[in-house]
Protein backbone atom coordinates (compact mmCIF):
# COMPACT_ATOMS: atom_id res chain seq x y z
CA UNK A 1 151.17 197.31 110.64
CA UNK A 2 151.96 200.99 110.91
CA UNK A 3 149.06 203.43 111.35
CA UNK A 4 149.42 206.84 109.60
CA UNK A 5 146.48 209.14 110.22
CA UNK A 6 143.34 207.29 109.25
CA UNK A 7 145.14 205.00 106.81
CA UNK A 8 146.75 201.69 107.47
CA UNK A 9 150.03 200.90 105.72
CA UNK A 10 151.15 197.32 105.31
CA UNK A 11 154.92 197.06 105.48
CA UNK A 12 156.80 194.19 103.85
CA UNK A 13 159.35 193.13 106.48
CA UNK A 14 161.56 191.52 103.86
CA UNK A 15 161.36 193.42 100.56
CA UNK A 16 160.90 191.09 97.66
CA UNK A 17 160.08 188.11 99.88
CA UNK A 18 156.44 188.15 98.90
CA UNK A 19 155.00 188.42 102.44
CA UNK A 20 153.55 191.97 102.76
CA UNK A 21 150.81 190.70 105.07
CA UNK A 22 153.28 190.14 107.90
CA UNK A 23 153.96 192.93 110.43
CA UNK A 24 157.39 194.52 110.46
CA UNK A 25 159.67 192.79 112.95
CA UNK A 26 161.26 194.89 115.73
CA UNK A 27 165.02 195.20 116.09
CA UNK A 28 166.61 192.66 118.39
CA UNK A 29 167.94 193.98 121.69
CA UNK A 30 170.90 192.39 123.43
CA UNK A 31 170.96 192.64 127.21
CA UNK A 32 173.51 189.91 127.96
CA UNK A 33 176.65 188.71 126.21
CA UNK A 34 177.19 184.95 125.64
CA UNK A 35 179.51 185.11 128.65
CA UNK A 36 176.69 186.44 130.85
CA UNK A 37 177.91 190.02 131.12
CA UNK A 38 175.32 192.81 131.28
CA UNK A 39 174.89 194.98 128.17
CA UNK A 40 173.59 198.43 129.08
CA UNK A 41 170.60 199.75 127.12
CA UNK A 42 169.00 203.19 127.63
CA UNK A 43 165.45 201.86 127.38
CA UNK A 44 166.01 198.78 129.51
CA UNK A 45 168.00 199.88 132.49
CA UNK A 46 167.89 197.73 135.60
CA UNK A 47 168.54 198.43 139.22
CA UNK A 48 168.86 195.37 141.41
CA UNK A 49 170.25 194.96 144.88
CA UNK A 50 172.69 192.29 145.99
CA UNK A 51 169.95 190.57 147.97
CA UNK A 52 167.67 190.50 144.94
CA UNK A 53 170.52 189.12 142.79
CA UNK A 54 171.21 186.41 145.36
CA UNK A 55 167.51 185.59 145.40
CA UNK A 56 167.46 185.13 141.63
CA UNK A 57 170.52 182.91 141.79
CA UNK A 58 168.97 180.88 144.60
CA UNK A 59 165.82 180.35 142.55
CA UNK A 60 167.90 179.30 139.55
CA UNK A 61 169.90 176.78 141.60
CA UNK A 62 166.75 175.34 143.20
CA UNK A 63 164.84 174.80 139.96
CA UNK A 64 167.94 173.28 138.35
CA UNK A 65 168.22 170.81 141.23
CA UNK A 66 164.51 170.10 141.03
CA UNK A 67 164.87 169.44 137.30
CA UNK A 68 167.77 167.02 137.87
CA UNK A 69 165.80 165.04 140.46
CA UNK A 70 162.71 164.88 138.24
CA UNK A 71 164.82 163.65 135.32
CA UNK A 72 166.17 160.91 137.59
CA UNK A 73 162.60 159.93 138.53
CA UNK A 74 161.72 159.60 134.86
CA UNK A 75 164.71 157.34 134.24
CA UNK A 76 163.66 155.20 137.20
CA UNK A 77 160.16 154.82 135.76
CA UNK A 78 158.44 156.94 138.42
CA UNK A 79 157.33 159.53 135.85
CA UNK A 80 155.95 158.78 132.42
CA UNK A 81 157.87 161.72 130.96
CA UNK A 82 159.63 164.84 132.17
CA UNK A 83 160.25 167.89 129.98
CA UNK A 84 163.60 169.23 131.21
CA UNK A 85 164.21 172.96 131.44
CA UNK A 86 167.97 172.49 130.95
CA UNK A 87 169.42 175.64 129.38
CA UNK A 88 166.35 177.78 130.16
CA UNK A 89 166.72 178.19 133.92
CA UNK A 90 167.88 181.82 133.93
CA UNK A 91 165.36 182.93 131.28
CA UNK A 92 162.48 181.33 133.17
CA UNK A 93 163.43 182.70 136.60
CA UNK A 94 164.02 186.17 135.15
CA UNK A 95 160.73 186.19 133.23
CA UNK A 96 158.82 184.77 136.17
CA UNK A 97 160.16 187.33 138.64
CA UNK A 98 159.38 190.15 136.21
CA UNK A 99 155.66 189.27 136.12
CA UNK A 100 153.34 191.43 138.17
CA UNK A 101 150.82 189.97 140.63
CA UNK A 102 147.95 190.31 138.14
CA UNK A 103 149.84 189.18 135.04
CA UNK A 104 148.81 185.85 133.56
CA UNK A 105 151.25 183.23 132.21
CA UNK A 106 150.35 180.47 129.76
CA UNK A 107 153.10 177.81 129.73
CA UNK A 108 153.84 174.91 127.44
CA UNK A 109 154.98 171.95 129.55
CA UNK A 110 158.50 172.81 130.68
CA UNK A 111 158.22 176.25 132.32
CA UNK A 112 158.99 174.83 135.76
CA UNK A 113 161.04 177.90 136.69
CA UNK A 114 158.13 180.26 136.01
CA UNK A 115 155.81 177.90 137.92
CA UNK A 116 158.15 178.09 140.93
CA UNK A 117 158.26 181.90 140.87
CA UNK A 118 154.42 182.01 140.90
CA UNK A 119 154.41 180.22 144.27
CA UNK A 120 153.13 176.83 143.12
CA UNK A 121 154.26 173.74 145.02
CA UNK A 122 156.99 172.06 142.88
CA UNK A 123 155.41 168.66 143.65
CA UNK A 124 152.21 169.52 141.78
CA UNK A 125 153.52 169.07 138.18
CA UNK A 126 154.56 165.50 139.04
CA UNK A 127 150.91 164.44 139.07
CA UNK A 128 150.56 165.50 135.45
CA UNK A 129 153.74 163.74 134.29
CA UNK A 130 152.86 160.70 136.36
CA UNK A 131 149.41 160.61 134.71
CA UNK A 132 147.25 160.89 137.85
CA UNK A 133 145.88 164.47 137.49
CA UNK A 134 146.08 167.67 135.46
CA UNK A 135 148.58 169.40 137.73
CA UNK A 136 146.40 170.27 140.69
CA UNK A 137 146.81 174.06 141.03
CA UNK A 138 144.20 176.78 140.49
CA UNK A 139 145.27 178.87 137.44
CA UNK A 140 143.27 181.90 138.58
CA UNK A 141 144.79 181.84 142.06
CA UNK A 142 148.40 181.64 140.94
CA UNK A 143 147.97 183.44 137.61
CA UNK A 144 149.68 180.50 135.91
CA UNK A 145 147.71 178.26 133.57
CA UNK A 146 148.06 174.47 133.68
CA UNK A 147 150.65 172.87 131.44
CA UNK A 148 149.72 172.40 127.78
CA UNK A 149 150.94 169.09 126.39
CA UNK A 150 149.53 169.75 122.92
CA UNK A 151 152.12 171.95 121.24
CA UNK A 152 150.86 175.46 120.48
CA UNK A 153 147.46 175.11 122.18
CA UNK A 154 148.44 177.57 124.93
CA UNK A 155 148.58 180.40 122.38
CA UNK A 156 144.84 180.02 121.76
CA UNK A 157 144.12 180.13 125.49
CA UNK A 158 146.39 183.15 125.92
CA UNK A 159 144.75 184.97 123.01
CA UNK A 160 141.27 184.42 124.43
CA UNK A 161 142.37 185.56 127.90
CA UNK A 162 144.04 188.67 126.45
CA UNK A 163 140.86 189.59 124.53
CA UNK A 164 138.92 189.29 127.78
CA UNK A 165 141.42 191.49 129.63
CA UNK A 166 141.18 194.09 126.89
CA UNK A 167 137.37 194.09 127.02
CA UNK A 168 137.57 194.49 130.77
CA UNK A 169 139.66 197.63 130.28
CA UNK A 170 142.62 196.25 132.18
CA UNK A 171 145.16 197.31 129.53
CA UNK A 172 146.88 200.66 128.99
CA UNK A 173 145.34 202.49 131.95
CA UNK A 174 148.69 203.52 133.41
CA UNK A 175 147.72 201.98 136.74
CA UNK A 176 150.23 199.20 137.54
CA UNK A 177 147.77 197.66 139.97
CA UNK A 178 145.15 197.33 137.22
CA UNK A 179 147.04 196.84 133.96
CA UNK A 180 147.45 193.16 133.10
CA UNK A 181 150.06 191.49 130.90
CA UNK A 182 149.46 188.12 129.27
CA UNK A 183 152.57 186.05 128.58
CA UNK A 184 152.44 182.96 126.39
CA UNK A 185 155.51 180.77 126.39
CA UNK A 186 156.00 179.00 123.14
CA UNK A 187 157.81 175.98 121.84
CA UNK A 188 160.62 177.96 120.19
CA UNK A 189 162.65 177.72 123.36
CA UNK A 190 161.92 174.01 123.47
CA UNK A 191 163.05 173.60 119.88
CA UNK A 192 166.22 175.56 120.58
CA UNK A 193 166.92 173.43 123.62
CA UNK A 194 166.21 170.24 121.70
CA UNK A 195 168.60 171.34 118.94
CA UNK A 196 171.22 172.26 121.52
CA UNK A 197 170.80 168.98 123.38
CA UNK A 198 170.92 167.04 120.12
CA UNK A 199 174.12 168.87 119.18
CA UNK A 200 175.63 168.10 122.59
CA UNK A 201 174.51 164.48 122.28
CA UNK A 202 176.13 164.18 118.86
CA UNK A 203 179.35 165.77 120.15
CA UNK A 204 179.44 163.40 123.10
CA UNK A 205 178.61 160.42 120.89
CA UNK A 206 181.44 161.38 118.56
CA UNK A 207 183.76 161.77 121.54
CA UNK A 208 182.74 158.33 122.81
CA UNK A 209 183.29 156.85 119.36
CA UNK A 210 186.72 158.47 119.14
CA UNK A 211 187.55 157.18 122.60
CA UNK A 212 186.34 153.69 121.70
CA UNK A 213 188.36 153.82 118.49
CA UNK A 214 191.49 154.86 120.36
CA UNK A 215 190.89 152.09 122.90
CA UNK A 216 190.33 149.58 120.10
CA UNK A 217 193.48 150.70 118.31
CA UNK A 218 195.43 150.49 121.55
CA UNK A 219 194.04 147.04 122.24
CA UNK A 220 195.00 145.94 118.72
CA UNK A 221 198.50 147.34 119.17
CA UNK A 222 198.87 145.52 122.48
CA UNK A 223 197.63 142.27 120.93
CA UNK A 224 200.02 142.67 118.01
CA UNK A 225 202.86 143.36 120.42
CA UNK A 226 202.03 140.20 122.36
CA UNK A 227 201.85 138.15 119.16
CA UNK A 228 205.13 139.64 118.00
CA UNK A 229 206.73 138.75 121.31
CA UNK A 230 205.46 135.19 121.04
CA UNK A 231 206.81 134.89 117.50
CA UNK A 232 210.10 136.40 118.61
CA UNK A 233 210.35 133.67 121.27
CA UNK A 234 209.30 130.95 118.86
CA UNK A 235 211.63 131.70 115.97
CA UNK A 236 214.90 131.82 117.98
CA UNK A 237 213.78 128.58 119.64
CA UNK A 238 213.39 126.96 116.22
CA UNK A 239 216.61 128.48 114.88
CA UNK A 240 218.72 127.42 117.85
CA UNK A 241 217.40 123.87 117.70
CA UNK A 242 218.24 123.60 114.00
CA UNK A 243 221.69 125.14 114.40
CA UNK A 244 222.36 122.79 117.30
CA UNK A 245 221.48 119.83 115.06
CA UNK A 246 223.99 121.09 112.47
CA UNK A 247 226.65 121.41 115.19
CA UNK A 248 226.05 117.78 116.16
CA UNK A 249 226.62 116.68 112.55
CA UNK A 250 229.88 118.64 112.43
CA UNK A 251 231.10 117.06 115.66
CA UNK A 252 230.25 113.66 114.26
CA UNK A 253 232.48 114.59 111.28
CA UNK A 254 229.60 114.25 108.85
CA UNK A 255 230.78 117.21 106.79
CA UNK A 256 228.79 116.59 103.60
CA UNK A 257 225.59 116.00 105.55
CA UNK A 258 226.22 119.14 107.60
CA UNK A 259 226.74 121.20 104.41
CA UNK A 260 223.54 119.88 102.87
CA UNK A 261 221.65 120.54 106.09
CA UNK A 262 223.02 124.07 106.23
CA UNK A 263 221.96 124.70 102.62
CA UNK A 264 218.42 123.50 103.32
CA UNK A 265 218.38 125.52 106.52
CA UNK A 266 219.27 128.59 104.45
CA UNK A 267 216.29 127.91 102.15
CA UNK A 268 214.01 127.51 105.16
CA UNK A 269 215.29 130.66 106.80
CA UNK A 270 214.77 132.64 103.59
CA UNK A 271 211.16 131.40 103.32
CA UNK A 272 210.38 132.14 106.96
CA UNK A 273 211.88 135.65 106.84
CA UNK A 274 209.85 136.46 103.72
CA UNK A 275 206.70 136.24 105.87
CA UNK A 276 208.23 137.61 109.05
CA UNK A 277 205.57 140.33 109.55
CA UNK A 278 202.59 138.10 108.76
CA UNK A 279 200.55 136.63 111.60
CA UNK A 280 198.68 134.37 109.17
CA UNK A 281 199.67 132.62 105.94
CA UNK A 282 197.97 130.06 103.72
CA UNK A 283 198.11 126.40 104.65
CA UNK A 284 200.02 125.82 101.42
CA UNK A 285 202.73 128.27 102.51
CA UNK A 286 202.86 126.70 105.97
CA UNK A 287 203.34 123.26 104.42
CA UNK A 288 206.22 124.63 102.35
CA UNK A 289 207.99 125.66 105.57
CA UNK A 290 207.20 122.26 107.01
CA UNK A 291 208.62 120.31 104.08
CA UNK A 292 211.83 122.36 104.18
CA UNK A 293 212.12 121.74 107.91
CA UNK A 294 211.40 118.02 107.50
CA UNK A 295 214.06 117.74 104.79
CA UNK A 296 216.57 118.95 107.38
CA UNK A 297 215.36 116.50 110.01
CA UNK A 298 215.40 113.60 107.52
CA UNK A 299 219.08 114.30 106.88
CA UNK A 300 219.65 113.94 110.62
CA UNK A 301 217.59 110.80 111.12
CA UNK A 302 218.08 109.24 107.69
CA UNK A 303 215.84 106.18 107.37
CA UNK A 304 214.69 106.41 110.99
CA UNK A 305 212.09 109.11 110.10
CA UNK A 306 209.10 108.53 107.87
CA UNK A 307 206.62 111.34 107.21
CA UNK A 308 203.17 111.15 105.61
CA UNK A 309 201.35 114.40 104.73
CA UNK A 310 197.69 113.98 103.85
CA UNK A 311 195.95 117.33 103.18
CA UNK A 312 193.07 117.91 100.78
CA UNK A 313 194.19 120.34 98.00
CA UNK A 314 190.96 122.30 98.52
CA UNK A 315 192.26 123.36 101.94
CA UNK A 316 195.52 124.91 100.74
CA UNK A 317 194.09 128.46 100.69
CA UNK A 318 192.91 128.24 104.30
CA UNK A 319 194.46 130.75 106.72
CA UNK A 320 196.69 129.39 109.48
CA UNK A 321 199.01 131.13 111.97
CA UNK A 322 202.51 131.66 110.62
CA UNK A 323 204.88 128.91 111.87
CA UNK A 324 202.10 127.12 113.75
CA UNK A 325 202.78 123.56 112.48
CA UNK A 326 206.58 123.55 112.75
CA UNK A 327 206.75 123.50 116.56
CA UNK A 328 204.12 120.74 116.66
CA UNK A 329 206.08 118.57 114.22
CA UNK A 330 209.35 119.45 115.98
CA UNK A 331 207.83 118.27 119.26
CA UNK A 332 206.75 114.99 117.62
CA UNK A 333 210.25 114.39 116.21
CA UNK A 334 211.99 115.26 119.44
CA UNK A 335 209.84 113.14 121.75
CA UNK A 336 208.50 110.52 119.37
CA UNK A 337 211.51 109.81 117.12
CA UNK A 338 214.62 111.21 118.78
CA UNK A 339 214.00 109.43 122.08
CA UNK A 340 214.47 105.95 120.59
CA UNK A 341 216.84 104.09 118.30
CA UNK A 342 214.20 102.33 116.17
CA UNK A 343 212.52 103.96 113.16
CA UNK A 344 209.38 106.03 113.67
CA UNK A 345 206.63 107.66 111.66
CA UNK A 346 204.82 110.98 111.74
CA UNK A 347 201.49 111.50 110.03
CA UNK A 348 200.12 114.97 109.25
CA UNK A 349 196.46 115.08 108.33
CA UNK A 350 194.30 118.07 107.41
CA UNK A 351 190.56 118.18 106.97
CA UNK A 352 187.59 120.55 107.07
CA UNK A 353 184.91 120.08 109.72
CA UNK A 354 181.42 121.57 109.68
CA UNK A 355 179.30 121.21 112.80
CA UNK A 356 176.92 123.20 115.00
CA UNK A 357 179.79 125.35 116.26
CA UNK A 358 180.79 126.48 112.76
CA UNK A 359 183.24 125.78 109.94
CA UNK A 360 186.72 124.69 111.09
CA UNK A 361 190.08 123.58 109.75
CA UNK A 362 191.57 120.68 111.68
CA UNK A 363 195.22 119.72 111.29
CA UNK A 364 196.54 116.80 113.34
CA UNK A 365 200.11 115.60 113.89
CA UNK A 366 200.54 112.06 115.20
CA UNK A 367 203.68 110.10 116.00
CA UNK A 368 204.15 106.51 117.12
CA UNK A 369 206.41 107.30 120.05
CA UNK A 370 205.82 106.84 123.79
CA UNK A 371 203.07 109.47 123.96
CA UNK A 372 202.48 112.30 126.39
CA UNK A 373 202.67 112.19 130.14
CA UNK A 374 199.90 113.19 132.57
CA UNK A 375 200.80 116.89 132.28
CA UNK A 376 200.11 117.28 128.58
CA UNK A 377 196.71 118.94 128.97
CA UNK A 378 198.05 122.06 130.70
CA UNK A 379 199.83 124.96 129.07
CA UNK A 380 201.91 126.45 131.86
CA UNK A 381 205.57 125.94 132.74
CA UNK A 382 206.47 122.32 133.19
CA UNK A 383 203.48 121.15 131.18
CA UNK A 384 205.52 118.74 129.10
CA UNK A 385 204.50 120.51 125.89
CA UNK A 386 207.68 122.55 125.59
CA UNK A 387 208.12 126.22 124.72
CA UNK A 388 207.08 125.78 121.08
CA UNK A 389 203.68 124.24 121.82
CA UNK A 390 203.03 126.53 124.79
CA UNK A 391 203.69 129.59 122.60
CA UNK A 392 201.52 128.22 119.81
CA UNK A 393 198.65 127.79 122.23
CA UNK A 394 199.13 131.35 123.50
CA UNK A 395 199.18 132.71 119.94
CA UNK A 396 195.93 130.92 119.14
CA UNK A 397 194.33 132.58 122.17
CA UNK A 398 195.46 136.01 121.03
CA UNK A 399 194.45 135.52 117.38
CA UNK A 400 191.14 133.68 117.71
CA UNK A 401 190.07 133.79 121.36
CA UNK A 402 187.81 130.83 122.09
CA UNK A 403 187.44 130.08 118.36
CA UNK A 404 190.60 127.93 118.18
CA UNK A 405 192.26 125.28 120.31
CA UNK A 406 195.33 123.08 120.55
CA UNK A 407 194.67 119.59 121.93
CA UNK A 408 197.39 117.20 123.07
CA UNK A 409 196.54 113.60 123.89
CA UNK A 410 197.82 110.04 123.90
CA UNK A 411 195.35 108.12 121.69
CA UNK A 412 194.56 104.46 121.78
CA UNK A 413 197.18 102.46 119.88
CA UNK A 414 200.06 104.50 121.31
CA UNK A 415 201.97 107.58 120.27
CA UNK A 416 201.14 111.24 120.74
CA UNK A 417 198.46 113.23 118.91
CA UNK A 418 198.38 117.03 118.70
CA UNK A 419 195.34 118.56 116.99
CA UNK A 420 195.13 122.17 115.83
CA UNK A 421 191.56 123.46 115.31
CA UNK A 422 191.06 126.85 113.64
CA UNK A 423 188.12 128.83 112.23
CA UNK A 424 188.06 128.04 108.52
CA UNK A 425 188.75 131.12 106.44
CA UNK A 426 190.25 131.27 102.98
CA UNK A 427 192.88 133.87 102.01
CA UNK A 428 193.52 134.54 98.36
């Protein structure tokens, strides 16, 4: 309100806003830039010595350290709560040092810097935040009221104190030893700090998410590179073995058989290259590769090789690693059929298994040859499984982790049995 003579004029601070009952707001005064540089003002000049400036900085550093230690105590469970003064250190030290000996301060619950400048032991607030007392200091002695946990309640206390000071005539006398200022700290600073801290938290959270995303993408790229390397090893291994078989037919002067084998090999190569970039294909597609490959091997072995494929049609859309069955069947032919002169059989069986560990696709390849040796259970060099099976096992580890396995065993009744177990998932 503005007083003119004996009349009182109510000024609307925001014309048209519909709030004429509010007093006109004063102009804001800037004394510091965001970079901390002093802005000169004719009405608010300051003269401060180097020693006084060092003293202010020392106070600021001490209360900041105190705040850090108290925050650590809260995180360790030693304090029930701690209201940090982060971001308010300079404002609190400056305001506290500007108070006169008789001025009275009414804090909220985070004015630790002002408390320190009033000469109160920094240990005292811990009793309040630990829940064992109300703070412990005498407000009248230190001219600093106890902390107010209930937001806004300190303004009522400050108003009552100020009315008492005014009635006592301790205002506007011109005597600095008698005049008393009453300062009430309010929650606006707390809200600003909370908003600032929330903004910083969100920025850091976003940075962490971006970092995690980059790490995840990098991990995926590394995994894909490893899988690509394994496939690159596997496919030349398969190609060279097939080409070598064709060379043997040529040397044996079986020209027509070699031509037919080469034609089927071309069909197989075309099918495999069509899915070169895929890590997974459907079981139906994998069986197509397998039948093309087996047609080549049956030309080599003629009536010595018998193959039985028993797979439920409902499983044909299940996802399997690209070129996962071929090395298993190749291993069965090489060690179970090729190592003897008598005829042999290979049986490929697929089924779906549901148990307590989940839903799985199980594909087994069994031959009636001599079986595996004692080293078949390992997967390292010299394991007896060959490069194809060792790479297949490594690919399963990369693709599915512990969710898939490749088992090699010599079952009762003779022969070798290789079982591929995968998480069941349909791809359409």
